[in-house]
Amino acid sequence: MKNILHSIALIALIPLIALALEPTNPQGFCDRFVGEKDIQQCKERTQKEEVDWYAATVCNLQKEDGAFWKCWDSIKGQSFNPAALDRCGEDKDLSDIQRQDCVTTARAGREPASQNAAFQALKISK
């Protein structure tokens, strides 16, 4: 009986796991734009600007393109708590303003490690 209840509980968790926020490469977000100029601007920005992919995925849920870019600008150079971002992405009925507020409160309070930073070489003493 205990195994049956355990199995039922695990099966019930599957939809919750499936709802988890999946990070998406920001270059794929350009499909949301219709105009060629907007698509080109999107491609340029997503290639050269580094953002947290989880946060960018939440920004892509914004309904208005202007709100998307405002969200995008707010996440550049920031790190985020993935669990908090999950909550921002769970509710599809949030307004653009509510989602932006959620993203702002999900900041981790530290800057992400730079991919362009020079690393100090490891020296091994024998």
C-alpha atoms as a PDB file:
ATOM      1  CA  MET A   1       0.000   0.000   0.000  1.00  0.00           C
ATOM      2  CA  LYS A   2       2.841   2.381   0.853  1.00  0.00           C
ATOM      3  CA  ASN A   3       4.463   1.733  -2.548  1.00  0.00           C
ATOM      4  CA  ILE A   4       1.198   2.455  -4.330  1.00  0.00           C
ATOM      5  CA  LEU A   5       0.816   5.817  -2.571  1.00  0.00           C
ATOM      6  CA  HIS A   6       4.451   6.631  -3.330  1.00  0.00           C
ATOM      7  CA  SER A   7       3.892   5.827  -7.029  1.00  0.00           C
ATOM      8  CA  ILE A   8       0.753   7.961  -7.175  1.00  0.00           C
ATOM      9  CA  ALA A   9       2.622  10.875  -5.594  1.00  0.00           C
ATOM     10  CA  LEU A  10       5.437  10.577  -8.131  1.00  0.00           C
ATOM     11  CA  ILE A  11       3.005  10.480 -11.033  1.00  0.00           C
ATOM     12  CA  ALA A  12       1.249  13.569  -9.670  1.00  0.00           C
ATOM     13  CA  LEU A  13       4.576  15.452  -9.679  1.00  0.00           C
ATOM     14  CA  ILE A  14       5.224  14.878 -13.388  1.00  0.00           C
ATOM     15  CA  PRO A  15       3.056  17.823 -14.549  1.00  0.00           C
ATOM     16  CA  LEU A  16       4.774  20.081 -12.014  1.00  0.00           C
ATOM     17  CA  ILE A  17       8.186  19.101 -13.311  1.00  0.00           C
ATOM     18  CA  ALA A  18       7.034  19.646 -16.893  1.00  0.00           C
ATOM     19  CA  LEU A  19       6.006  23.221 -16.046  1.00  0.00           C
ATOM     20  CA  ALA A  20       9.510  24.160 -14.939  1.00  0.00           C
ATOM     21  CA  LEU A  21      11.062  27.049 -16.835  1.00  0.00           C
ATOM     22  CA  GLU A  22      13.281  25.858 -19.680  1.00  0.00           C
ATOM     23  CA  PRO A  23      16.042  28.294 -20.656  1.00  0.00           C
ATOM     24  CA  THR A  24      15.997  29.227 -24.309  1.00  0.00           C
ATOM     25  CA  ASN A  25      18.743  30.657 -26.470  1.00  0.00           C
ATOM     26  CA  PRO A  26      17.715  34.328 -26.822  1.00  0.00           C
ATOM     27  CA  GLN A  27      18.431  34.315 -30.560  1.00  0.00           C
ATOM     28  CA  GLY A  28      15.283  32.215 -30.968  1.00  0.00           C
ATOM     29  CA  PHE A  29      13.160  35.063 -29.605  1.00  0.00           C
ATOM     30  CA  CYS A  30      13.439  37.021 -32.850  1.00  0.00           C
ATOM     31  CA  ASP A  31      10.568  34.960 -34.240  1.00  0.00           C
ATOM     32  CA  ARG A  32       8.187  37.097 -32.181  1.00  0.00           C
ATOM     33  CA  PHE A  33       8.845  40.089 -34.461  1.00  0.00           C
ATOM     34  CA  VAL A  34       7.117  40.621 -37.793  1.00  0.00           C
ATOM     35  CA  GLY A  35       8.981  43.504 -39.441  1.00  0.00           C
ATOM     36  CA  GLU A  36      12.338  42.825 -41.095  1.00  0.00           C
ATOM     37  CA  LYS A  37      13.918  45.823 -39.336  1.00  0.00           C
ATOM     38  CA  ASP A  38      12.736  44.569 -35.930  1.00  0.00           C
ATOM     39  CA  ILE A  39      13.967  41.051 -36.666  1.00  0.00           C
ATOM     40  CA  GLN A  40      17.407  42.362 -37.700  1.00  0.00           C
ATOM     41  CA  GLN A  41      17.653  44.559 -34.592  1.00  0.00           C
ATOM     42  CA  CYS A  42      16.706  41.555 -32.447  1.00  0.00           C
ATOM     43  CA  LYS A  43      19.345  39.341 -34.064  1.00  0.00           C
ATOM     44  CA  GLU A  44      22.043  41.964 -33.540  1.00  0.00           C
ATOM     45  CA  ARG A  45      21.163  42.543 -29.881  1.00  0.00           C
ATOM     46  CA  THR A  46      20.785  38.873 -28.980  1.00  0.00           C
ATOM     47  CA  GLN A  47      24.154  38.039 -30.531  1.00  0.00           C
ATOM     48  CA  LYS A  48      26.189  40.747 -28.807  1.00  0.00           C
ATOM     49  CA  GLU A  49      24.422  41.335 -25.478  1.00  0.00           C
ATOM     50  CA  GLU A  50      24.879  38.780 -22.719  1.00  0.00           C
ATOM     51  CA  VAL A  51      21.844  38.018 -20.593  1.00  0.00           C
ATOM     52  CA  ASP A  52      20.747  35.263 -18.240  1.00  0.00           C
ATOM     53  CA  TRP A  53      18.908  32.726 -20.421  1.00  0.00           C
ATOM     54  CA  TYR A  54      16.328  31.924 -17.729  1.00  0.00           C
ATOM     55  CA  ALA A  55      15.521  35.608 -17.286  1.00  0.00           C
ATOM     56  CA  ALA A  56      15.412  36.163 -21.056  1.00  0.00           C
ATOM     57  CA  THR A  57      12.950  33.277 -21.343  1.00  0.00           C
ATOM     58  CA  VAL A  58      10.678  35.036 -18.855  1.00  0.00           C
ATOM     59  CA  CYS A  59      11.066  38.317 -20.759  1.00  0.00           C
ATOM     60  CA  ASN A  60       9.955  36.531 -23.916  1.00  0.00           C
ATOM     61  CA  LEU A  61       6.605  35.906 -22.187  1.00  0.00           C
ATOM     62  CA  GLN A  62       5.911  39.654 -22.301  1.00  0.00           C
ATOM     63  CA  LYS A  63       2.954  40.360 -24.566  1.00  0.00           C
ATOM     64  CA  GLU A  64       4.070  43.718 -25.985  1.00  0.00           C
ATOM     65  CA  ASP A  65       7.345  44.062 -27.884  1.00  0.00           C
ATOM     66  CA  GLY A  66       8.174  47.281 -26.023  1.00  0.00           C
ATOM     67  CA  ALA A  67       7.736  45.472 -22.702  1.00  0.00           C
ATOM     68  CA  PHE A  68       9.983  42.673 -23.997  1.00  0.00           C
ATOM     69  CA  TRP A  69      12.805  45.136 -24.738  1.00  0.00           C
ATOM     70  CA  LYS A  70      12.312  46.924 -21.406  1.00  0.00           C
ATOM     71  CA  CYS A  71      12.600  43.576 -19.648  1.00  0.00           C
ATOM     72  CA  TRP A  72      15.613  42.657 -21.796  1.00  0.00           C
ATOM     73  CA  ASP A  73      17.401  45.888 -20.840  1.00  0.00           C
ATOM     74  CA  SER A  74      16.693  45.245 -17.150  1.00  0.00           C
ATOM     75  CA  ILE A  75      18.333  41.791 -17.170  1.00  0.00           C
ATOM     76  CA  LYS A  76      21.602  42.684 -18.916  1.00  0.00           C
ATOM     77  CA  GLY A  77      24.586  42.065 -16.648  1.00  0.00           C
ATOM     78  CA  GLN A  78      22.428  40.641 -13.860  1.00  0.00           C
ATOM     79  CA  SER A  79      22.170  37.221 -12.270  1.00  0.00           C
ATOM     80  CA  PHE A  80      18.928  35.706 -11.079  1.00  0.00           C
ATOM     81  CA  ASN A  81      17.532  33.123  -8.722  1.00  0.00           C
ATOM     82  CA  PRO A  82      16.173  30.386 -11.044  1.00  0.00           C
ATOM     83  CA  ALA A  83      13.485  29.320  -8.535  1.00  0.00           C
ATOM     84  CA  ALA A  84      12.195  32.893  -8.334  1.00  0.00           C
ATOM     85  CA  LEU A  85      12.202  33.156 -12.136  1.00  0.00           C
ATOM     86  CA  ASP A  86      10.196  29.934 -12.293  1.00  0.00           C
ATOM     87  CA  ARG A  87       7.454  31.693 -10.349  1.00  0.00           C
ATOM     88  CA  CYS A  88       7.576  34.594 -12.833  1.00  0.00           C
ATOM     89  CA  GLY A  89       7.101  32.215 -15.744  1.00  0.00           C
ATOM     90  CA  GLU A  90       4.465  29.965 -14.164  1.00  0.00           C
ATOM     91  CA  ASP A  91       1.572  32.399 -14.278  1.00  0.00           C
ATOM     92  CA  LYS A  92       0.804  33.050 -17.937  1.00  0.00           C
ATOM     93  CA  ASP A  93      -1.905  35.560 -16.959  1.00  0.00           C
ATOM     94  CA  LEU A  94       0.488  38.125 -15.456  1.00  0.00           C
ATOM     95  CA  SER A  95       0.390  41.534 -17.083  1.00  0.00           C
ATOM     96  CA  ASP A  96       3.603  42.871 -18.607  1.00  0.00           C
ATOM     97  CA  ILE A  97       4.062  45.193 -15.608  1.00  0.00           C
ATOM     98  CA  GLN A  98       3.505  42.389 -13.080  1.00  0.00           C
ATOM     99  CA  ARG A  99       5.957  40.104 -14.902  1.00  0.00           C
ATOM    100  CA  GLN A 100       8.571  42.888 -15.024  1.00  0.00           C
ATOM    101  CA  ASP A 101       8.163  43.440 -11.280  1.00  0.00           C
ATOM    102  CA  CYS A 102       8.563  39.704 -10.712  1.00  0.00           C
ATOM    103  CA  VAL A 103      11.789  39.604 -12.772  1.00  0.00           C
ATOM    104  CA  THR A 104      13.143  42.584 -10.859  1.00  0.00           C
ATOM    105  CA  THR A 105      12.524  40.876  -7.509  1.00  0.00           C
ATOM    106  CA  ALA A 106      14.154  37.640  -8.771  1.00  0.00           C
ATOM    107  CA  ARG A 107      17.607  39.231  -9.002  1.00  0.00           C
ATOM    108  CA  ALA A 108      20.277  37.325  -7.126  1.00  0.00           C
ATOM    109  CA  GLY A 109      22.108  40.464  -6.016  1.00  0.00           C
ATOM    110  CA  ARG A 110      25.405  39.683  -7.681  1.00  0.00           C
ATOM    111  CA  GLU A 111      26.814  40.116 -11.151  1.00  0.00           C
ATOM    112  CA  PRO A 112      27.332  37.036 -13.301  1.00  0.00           C
ATOM    113  CA  ALA A 113      30.851  35.888 -14.071  1.00  0.00           C
ATOM    114  CA  SER A 114      32.149  37.495 -17.223  1.00  0.00           C
ATOM    115  CA  GLN A 115      32.900  35.127 -20.069  1.00  0.00           C
ATOM    116  CA  ASN A 116      35.558  37.528 -21.334  1.00  0.00           C
ATOM    117  CA  ALA A 117      37.464  37.794 -18.062  1.00  0.00           C
ATOM    118  CA  ALA A 118      41.075  36.720 -17.911  1.00  0.00           C
ATOM    119  CA  PHE A 119      41.592  33.866 -15.502  1.00  0.00           C
ATOM    120  CA  GLN A 120      44.663  33.481 -13.390  1.00  0.00           C
ATOM    121  CA  ALA A 121      46.612  30.389 -14.363  1.00  0.00           C
ATOM    122  CA  LEU A 122      46.720  27.590 -11.800  1.00  0.00           C
ATOM    123  CA  LYS A 123      50.219  27.049 -10.469  1.00  0.00           C
ATOM    124  CA  ILE A 124      51.064  23.714  -8.915  1.00  0.00           C
ATOM    125  CA  SER A 125      53.973  23.581  -6.513  1.00  0.00           C
ATOM    126  CA  LYS A 126      55.679  20.233  -5.945  1.00  0.00           C
END
